[in-house]
Amino acid sequence: MSKMIQILLSKQLTVNLGRDDQGEAKTVVLQAGLQEVEQSIAEHWFVKAHSQEITSSDVHSHELQEALDLANASIESLKVQSEAADKKIADLEKLGAEKDKAIESLKVQLNKASQVPENTKTAEPKAK
């Protein structure tokens, strides 16, 4: 088994590799994009003319870029969630303040109701 090499193709290629032992034509069809091929195919003159070899640092850079894109998408998602949470917190704080005012108003009413003036108290019925 020969060494595998990554290459980048801008378009699909059909590579003629000569003939096999039975005289049949040996061809390989390579799709556009990032491909992993045997070293002998990557070194073929036609493939070299139409491809770009990918080094391990290129692969690593690509993996890092994918990880960065994923992290950025996660950050955007978390920003949206954070904004929604901030809005919910603001709504709940406003609701809490309204309820605090209502409670304070009810306390004032309760204090007023519990302080009945002396002259409004019911007089004891007089004996006849």
N, C-alpha and C. Protein backbone atom coordinates (compact mmCIF):
# COMPACT_ATOMS: atom_id res chain seq x y z
N MET A 1 0.85 -1.18 0.00
CA MET A 1 0.00 0.00 0.00
C MET A 1 0.89 1.24 0.00
N SER A 2 0.63 2.12 -0.93
CA SER A 2 1.47 3.32 -1.02
C SER A 2 0.91 4.42 -0.12
N LYS A 3 1.72 5.42 0.06
CA LYS A 3 1.38 6.54 0.93
C LYS A 3 0.21 7.32 0.32
N MET A 4 -0.71 7.77 1.20
CA MET A 4 -1.86 8.55 0.75
C MET A 4 -1.52 10.04 0.90
N ILE A 5 -1.88 10.81 -0.11
CA ILE A 5 -1.61 12.25 -0.13
C ILE A 5 -2.91 12.98 -0.42
N GLN A 6 -3.09 14.10 0.25
CA GLN A 6 -4.28 14.91 -0.01
C GLN A 6 -3.97 15.94 -1.08
N ILE A 7 -4.91 16.08 -2.01
CA ILE A 7 -4.78 17.08 -3.07
C ILE A 7 -6.10 17.83 -3.17
N LEU A 8 -6.03 19.01 -3.73
CA LEU A 8 -7.22 19.83 -3.93
C LEU A 8 -7.43 20.01 -5.42
N LEU A 9 -8.59 19.59 -5.91
CA LEU A 9 -8.91 19.69 -7.34
C LEU A 9 -9.98 20.75 -7.54
N SER A 10 -9.78 21.58 -8.54
CA SER A 10 -10.77 22.62 -8.84
C SER A 10 -11.90 22.09 -9.71
N LYS A 11 -11.65 20.97 -10.40
CA LYS A 11 -12.69 20.36 -11.24
C LYS A 11 -12.45 18.85 -11.28
N GLN A 12 -13.46 18.12 -11.73
CA GLN A 12 -13.34 16.66 -11.85
C GLN A 12 -12.30 16.31 -12.91
N LEU A 13 -11.48 15.28 -12.61
CA LEU A 13 -10.46 14.83 -13.55
C LEU A 13 -10.62 13.34 -13.83
N THR A 14 -10.39 12.96 -15.08
CA THR A 14 -10.27 11.55 -15.44
C THR A 14 -8.82 11.35 -15.85
N VAL A 15 -8.11 10.53 -15.07
CA VAL A 15 -6.67 10.35 -15.27
C VAL A 15 -6.43 8.99 -15.91
N ASN A 16 -5.71 8.98 -17.04
CA ASN A 16 -5.33 7.74 -17.72
C ASN A 16 -3.99 7.29 -17.16
N LEU A 17 -3.98 6.13 -16.50
CA LEU A 17 -2.76 5.62 -15.87
C LEU A 17 -2.06 4.56 -16.71
N GLY A 18 -2.40 4.46 -17.98
CA GLY A 18 -1.78 3.45 -18.84
C GLY A 18 -2.64 2.21 -18.92
N ARG A 19 -1.98 1.06 -19.12
CA ARG A 19 -2.71 -0.20 -19.27
C ARG A 19 -2.27 -1.18 -18.19
N ASP A 20 -3.21 -2.05 -17.81
CA ASP A 20 -2.89 -3.08 -16.82
C ASP A 20 -2.28 -4.30 -17.51
N ASP A 21 -2.09 -5.40 -16.78
CA ASP A 21 -1.46 -6.62 -17.32
C ASP A 21 -2.26 -7.25 -18.45
N GLN A 22 -3.57 -7.08 -18.45
CA GLN A 22 -4.42 -7.66 -19.49
C GLN A 22 -4.59 -6.71 -20.68
N GLY A 23 -3.96 -5.57 -20.65
CA GLY A 23 -4.07 -4.64 -21.77
C GLY A 23 -5.24 -3.68 -21.65
N GLU A 24 -5.95 -3.73 -20.54
CA GLU A 24 -7.10 -2.83 -20.34
C GLU A 24 -6.60 -1.46 -19.87
N ALA A 25 -7.28 -0.41 -20.32
CA ALA A 25 -6.90 0.94 -19.90
C ALA A 25 -7.23 1.12 -18.42
N LYS A 26 -6.30 1.69 -17.69
CA LYS A 26 -6.51 1.99 -16.27
C LYS A 26 -6.77 3.49 -16.17
N THR A 27 -7.97 3.83 -15.72
CA THR A 27 -8.31 5.24 -15.53
C THR A 27 -8.85 5.43 -14.12
N VAL A 28 -8.66 6.61 -13.62
CA VAL A 28 -9.17 6.98 -12.30
C VAL A 28 -9.93 8.28 -12.47
N VAL A 29 -11.14 8.33 -11.92
CA VAL A 29 -11.93 9.56 -11.94
C VAL A 29 -11.82 10.19 -10.55
N LEU A 30 -11.35 11.42 -10.53
CA LEU A 30 -11.20 12.15 -9.27
C LEU A 30 -12.20 13.30 -9.25
N GLN A 31 -12.97 13.38 -8.19
CA GLN A 31 -13.98 14.43 -8.07
C GLN A 31 -13.34 15.74 -7.63
N ALA A 32 -14.01 16.84 -7.94
CA ALA A 32 -13.52 18.15 -7.52
C ALA A 32 -13.56 18.25 -6.00
N GLY A 33 -12.64 19.03 -5.45
CA GLY A 33 -12.58 19.23 -4.01
C GLY A 33 -11.39 18.55 -3.40
N LEU A 34 -11.42 18.39 -2.11
CA LEU A 34 -10.33 17.78 -1.37
C LEU A 34 -10.40 16.26 -1.53
N GLN A 35 -9.31 15.67 -2.01
CA GLN A 35 -9.25 14.23 -2.25
C GLN A 35 -8.02 13.65 -1.60
N GLU A 36 -8.13 12.40 -1.15
CA GLU A 36 -6.97 11.67 -0.65
C GLU A 36 -6.68 10.55 -1.64
N VAL A 37 -5.50 10.63 -2.26
CA VAL A 37 -5.14 9.67 -3.31
C VAL A 37 -3.78 9.06 -3.01
N GLU A 38 -3.49 7.96 -3.71
CA GLU A 38 -2.18 7.33 -3.56
C GLU A 38 -1.11 8.27 -4.11
N GLN A 39 0.08 8.13 -3.58
CA GLN A 39 1.19 9.00 -3.98
C GLN A 39 1.47 8.90 -5.48
N SER A 40 1.36 7.70 -6.04
CA SER A 40 1.63 7.53 -7.47
C SER A 40 0.64 8.32 -8.32
N ILE A 41 -0.60 8.40 -7.88
CA ILE A 41 -1.60 9.18 -8.63
C ILE A 41 -1.34 10.66 -8.44
N ALA A 42 -1.02 11.07 -7.21
CA ALA A 42 -0.76 12.49 -6.94
C ALA A 42 0.45 12.99 -7.73
N GLU A 43 1.41 12.10 -8.01
CA GLU A 43 2.61 12.49 -8.73
C GLU A 43 2.46 12.40 -10.25
N HIS A 44 1.32 11.91 -10.73
CA HIS A 44 1.08 11.83 -12.18
C HIS A 44 1.09 13.25 -12.75
N TRP A 45 1.70 13.43 -13.92
CA TRP A 45 1.87 14.75 -14.50
C TRP A 45 0.55 15.49 -14.70
N PHE A 46 -0.51 14.76 -15.11
CA PHE A 46 -1.80 15.39 -15.37
C PHE A 46 -2.44 15.85 -14.07
N VAL A 47 -2.32 15.02 -13.02
CA VAL A 47 -2.89 15.39 -11.72
C VAL A 47 -2.13 16.59 -11.16
N LYS A 48 -0.80 16.58 -11.27
CA LYS A 48 0.00 17.70 -10.78
C LYS A 48 -0.37 19.00 -11.48
N ALA A 49 -0.67 18.91 -12.77
CA ALA A 49 -1.00 20.10 -13.55
C ALA A 49 -2.35 20.70 -13.16
N HIS A 50 -3.24 19.88 -12.61
CA HIS A 50 -4.60 20.34 -12.31
C HIS A 50 -4.95 20.31 -10.83
N SER A 51 -3.98 20.09 -9.99
CA SER A 51 -4.28 20.00 -8.55
C SER A 51 -3.28 20.79 -7.73
N GLN A 52 -3.60 20.86 -6.48
CA GLN A 52 -2.74 21.54 -5.53
C GLN A 52 -2.56 20.59 -4.36
N GLU A 53 -1.32 20.30 -3.99
CA GLU A 53 -1.07 19.39 -2.88
C GLU A 53 -1.39 20.09 -1.57
N ILE A 54 -2.00 19.35 -0.69
CA ILE A 54 -2.38 19.88 0.62
C ILE A 54 -1.37 19.37 1.64
N THR A 55 -0.73 20.28 2.34
CA THR A 55 0.23 19.88 3.36
C THR A 55 -0.49 19.64 4.68
N SER A 56 0.20 19.04 5.62
CA SER A 56 -0.42 18.78 6.93
C SER A 56 -0.79 20.08 7.63
N SER A 57 -0.01 21.13 7.40
CA SER A 57 -0.35 22.41 8.02
C SER A 57 -1.62 22.99 7.40
N ASP A 58 -1.84 22.75 6.09
CA ASP A 58 -3.07 23.18 5.45
C ASP A 58 -4.27 22.45 6.04
N VAL A 59 -4.12 21.16 6.25
CA VAL A 59 -5.19 20.36 6.84
C VAL A 59 -5.48 20.86 8.25
N HIS A 60 -4.40 21.10 9.02
CA HIS A 60 -4.56 21.59 10.39
C HIS A 60 -5.25 22.96 10.38
N SER A 61 -4.85 23.83 9.45
CA SER A 61 -5.47 25.15 9.34
C SER A 61 -6.95 25.02 9.01
N HIS A 62 -7.27 24.09 8.11
CA HIS A 62 -8.67 23.87 7.75
C HIS A 62 -9.47 23.39 8.96
N GLU A 63 -8.90 22.46 9.72
CA GLU A 63 -9.58 21.96 10.92
C GLU A 63 -9.77 23.08 11.93
N LEU A 64 -8.75 23.91 12.09
CA LEU A 64 -8.86 25.04 13.02
C LEU A 64 -9.92 26.03 12.55
N GLN A 65 -9.98 26.26 11.24
CA GLN A 65 -10.99 27.18 10.71
C GLN A 65 -12.39 26.64 10.97
N GLU A 66 -12.58 25.33 10.76
CA GLU A 66 -13.88 24.73 11.04
C GLU A 66 -14.24 24.86 12.51
N ALA A 67 -13.27 24.64 13.40
CA ALA A 67 -13.51 24.77 14.84
C ALA A 67 -13.84 26.22 15.19
N LEU A 68 -13.15 27.17 14.56
CA LEU A 68 -13.43 28.58 14.79
C LEU A 68 -14.83 28.95 14.32
N ASP A 69 -15.21 28.48 13.15
CA ASP A 69 -16.55 28.75 12.63
C ASP A 69 -17.62 28.19 13.56
N LEU A 70 -17.39 26.98 14.07
CA LEU A 70 -18.32 26.36 15.00
C LEU A 70 -18.39 27.17 16.30
N ALA A 71 -17.25 27.61 16.80
CA ALA A 71 -17.22 28.41 18.03
C ALA A 71 -17.94 29.74 17.82
N ASN A 72 -17.73 30.38 16.67
CA ASN A 72 -18.41 31.64 16.38
C ASN A 72 -19.92 31.45 16.30
N ALA A 73 -20.36 30.34 15.71
CA ALA A 73 -21.80 30.06 15.65
C ALA A 73 -22.35 29.86 17.05
N SER A 74 -21.60 29.17 17.90
CA SER A 74 -22.03 28.97 19.29
C SER A 74 -22.11 30.30 20.03
N ILE A 75 -21.14 31.17 19.79
CA ILE A 75 -21.14 32.48 20.43
C ILE A 75 -22.37 33.27 20.02
N GLU A 76 -22.69 33.26 18.73
CA GLU A 76 -23.87 33.99 18.25
C GLU A 76 -25.14 33.43 18.89
N SER A 77 -25.22 32.11 18.98
CA SER A 77 -26.38 31.48 19.61
C SER A 77 -26.48 31.89 21.08
N LEU A 78 -25.36 31.91 21.77
CA LEU A 78 -25.35 32.30 23.18
C LEU A 78 -25.69 33.78 23.35
N LYS A 79 -25.28 34.63 22.40
CA LYS A 79 -25.64 36.05 22.46
C LYS A 79 -27.15 36.22 22.36
N VAL A 80 -27.77 35.47 21.45
CA VAL A 80 -29.22 35.54 21.29
C VAL A 80 -29.90 35.09 22.58
N GLN A 81 -29.42 33.99 23.15
CA GLN A 81 -29.99 33.50 24.41
C GLN A 81 -29.79 34.50 25.53
N SER A 82 -28.63 35.14 25.57
CA SER A 82 -28.33 36.13 26.60
C SER A 82 -29.25 37.34 26.47
N GLU A 83 -29.47 37.80 25.24
CA GLU A 83 -30.36 38.94 25.02
C GLU A 83 -31.78 38.60 25.44
N ALA A 84 -32.23 37.38 25.13
CA ALA A 84 -33.56 36.95 25.54
C ALA A 84 -33.66 36.88 27.06
N ALA A 85 -32.61 36.38 27.71
CA ALA A 85 -32.60 36.30 29.17
C ALA A 85 -32.59 37.70 29.79
N ASP A 86 -31.83 38.63 29.21
CA ASP A 86 -31.80 40.00 29.72
C ASP A 86 -33.18 40.64 29.62
N LYS A 87 -33.87 40.40 28.51
CA LYS A 87 -35.22 40.95 28.33
C LYS A 87 -36.17 40.35 29.36
N LYS A 88 -36.07 39.04 29.58
CA LYS A 88 -36.93 38.37 30.55
C LYS A 88 -36.66 38.90 31.96
N ILE A 89 -35.39 39.11 32.30
CA ILE A 89 -35.03 39.65 33.61
C ILE A 89 -35.61 41.04 33.78
N ALA A 90 -35.49 41.88 32.75
CA ALA A 90 -36.04 43.24 32.82
C ALA A 90 -37.55 43.20 33.00
N ASP A 91 -38.23 42.32 32.28
CA ASP A 91 -39.68 42.19 32.41
C ASP A 91 -40.06 41.74 33.82
N LEU A 92 -39.32 40.77 34.35
CA LEU A 92 -39.62 40.27 35.70
C LEU A 92 -39.33 41.33 36.76
N GLU A 93 -38.27 42.11 36.59
CA GLU A 93 -37.97 43.18 37.53
C GLU A 93 -39.07 44.24 37.50
N LYS A 94 -39.56 44.57 36.32
CA LYS A 94 -40.65 45.53 36.19
C LYS A 94 -41.91 44.99 36.87
N LEU A 95 -42.20 43.73 36.63
CA LEU A 95 -43.37 43.10 37.25
C LEU A 95 -43.21 43.08 38.77
N GLY A 96 -42.01 42.78 39.25
CA GLY A 96 -41.75 42.77 40.69
C GLY A 96 -41.95 44.15 41.30
N ALA A 97 -41.49 45.19 40.61
CA ALA A 97 -41.66 46.56 41.10
C ALA A 97 -43.15 46.92 41.16
N GLU A 98 -43.92 46.52 40.16
CA GLU A 98 -45.36 46.78 40.16
C GLU A 98 -46.03 46.07 41.32
N LYS A 99 -45.64 44.84 41.57
CA LYS A 99 -46.22 44.08 42.68
C LYS A 99 -45.82 44.69 44.02
N ASP A 100 -44.58 45.18 44.13
CA ASP A 100 -44.14 45.85 45.36
C ASP A 100 -45.00 47.08 45.63
N LYS A 101 -45.32 47.86 44.58
CA LYS A 101 -46.18 49.03 44.74
C LYS A 101 -47.58 48.61 45.19
N ALA A 102 -48.10 47.54 44.58
CA ALA A 102 -49.44 47.06 44.95
C ALA A 102 -49.45 46.59 46.40
N ILE A 103 -48.41 45.90 46.83
CA ILE A 103 -48.33 45.42 48.22
C ILE A 103 -48.25 46.61 49.17
N GLU A 104 -47.46 47.61 48.82
CA GLU A 104 -47.33 48.80 49.67
C GLU A 104 -48.67 49.51 49.78
N SER A 105 -49.39 49.60 48.67
CA SER A 105 -50.72 50.23 48.68
C SER A 105 -51.68 49.44 49.56
N LEU A 106 -51.63 48.13 49.48
CA LEU A 106 -52.51 47.30 50.32
C LEU A 106 -52.14 47.43 51.79
N LYS A 107 -50.87 47.57 52.12
CA LYS A 107 -50.45 47.76 53.51
C LYS A 107 -51.00 49.07 54.06
N VAL A 108 -50.94 50.12 53.22
CA VAL A 108 -51.47 51.42 53.64
C VAL A 108 -52.97 51.31 53.89
N GLN A 109 -53.68 50.64 52.99
CA GLN A 109 -55.12 50.46 53.17
C GLN A 109 -55.43 49.65 54.43
N LEU A 110 -54.63 48.64 54.70
CA LEU A 110 -54.82 47.80 55.88
C LEU A 110 -54.58 48.62 57.15
N ASN A 111 -53.55 49.45 57.15
CA ASN A 111 -53.29 50.30 58.32
C ASN A 111 -54.42 51.28 58.54
N LYS A 112 -54.95 51.87 57.46
CA LYS A 112 -56.07 52.81 57.59
C LYS A 112 -57.30 52.10 58.12
N ALA A 113 -57.54 50.89 57.64
CA ALA A 113 -58.73 50.15 58.08
C ALA A 113 -58.59 49.70 59.53
N SER A 114 -57.41 49.43 59.99
CA SER A 114 -57.23 48.95 61.36
C SER A 114 -57.21 50.10 62.36
N GLN A 115 -57.10 51.32 61.89
CA GLN A 115 -57.12 52.49 62.78
C GLN A 115 -58.49 53.16 62.73
N VAL A 116 -59.48 52.48 63.29
CA VAL A 116 -60.84 53.02 63.30
C VAL A 116 -60.92 54.09 64.38
N PRO A 117 -61.41 55.26 64.05
CA PRO A 117 -61.51 56.34 65.05
C PRO A 117 -62.45 55.93 66.19
N GLU A 118 -62.25 56.56 67.36
CA GLU A 118 -63.03 56.23 68.56
C GLU A 118 -64.51 56.52 68.37
N ASN A 119 -64.86 57.58 67.71
CA ASN A 119 -66.27 57.97 67.60
C ASN A 119 -67.04 57.11 66.61
N THR A 120 -66.37 56.31 65.81
CA THR A 120 -67.10 55.45 64.88
C THR A 120 -67.30 54.06 65.43
N LYS A 121 -66.76 53.81 66.64
CA LYS A 121 -66.98 52.50 67.23
C LYS A 121 -68.44 52.40 67.61
N THR A 122 -68.98 51.23 67.52
CA THR A 122 -70.40 51.04 67.84
C THR A 122 -70.59 51.17 69.34
N ALA A 123 -71.55 51.93 69.66
CA ALA A 123 -71.86 52.15 71.08
C ALA A 123 -72.57 50.94 71.63
N GLU A 124 -72.37 50.72 72.92
CA GLU A 124 -73.04 49.59 73.54
C GLU A 124 -74.52 49.93 73.67
N PRO A 125 -75.34 48.95 73.39
CA PRO A 125 -76.78 49.24 73.50
C PRO A 125 -77.14 49.57 74.96
N LYS A 126 -77.99 50.57 75.07
CA LYS A 126 -78.43 51.00 76.40
C LYS A 126 -79.50 50.06 76.91
N ALA A 127 -79.46 49.85 78.18
CA ALA A 127 -80.46 48.98 78.80
C ALA A 127 -81.75 49.75 78.93
N LYS A 128 -82.89 49.12 78.70
CA LYS A 128 -84.18 49.78 78.79
C LYS A 128 -84.82 49.53 80.08
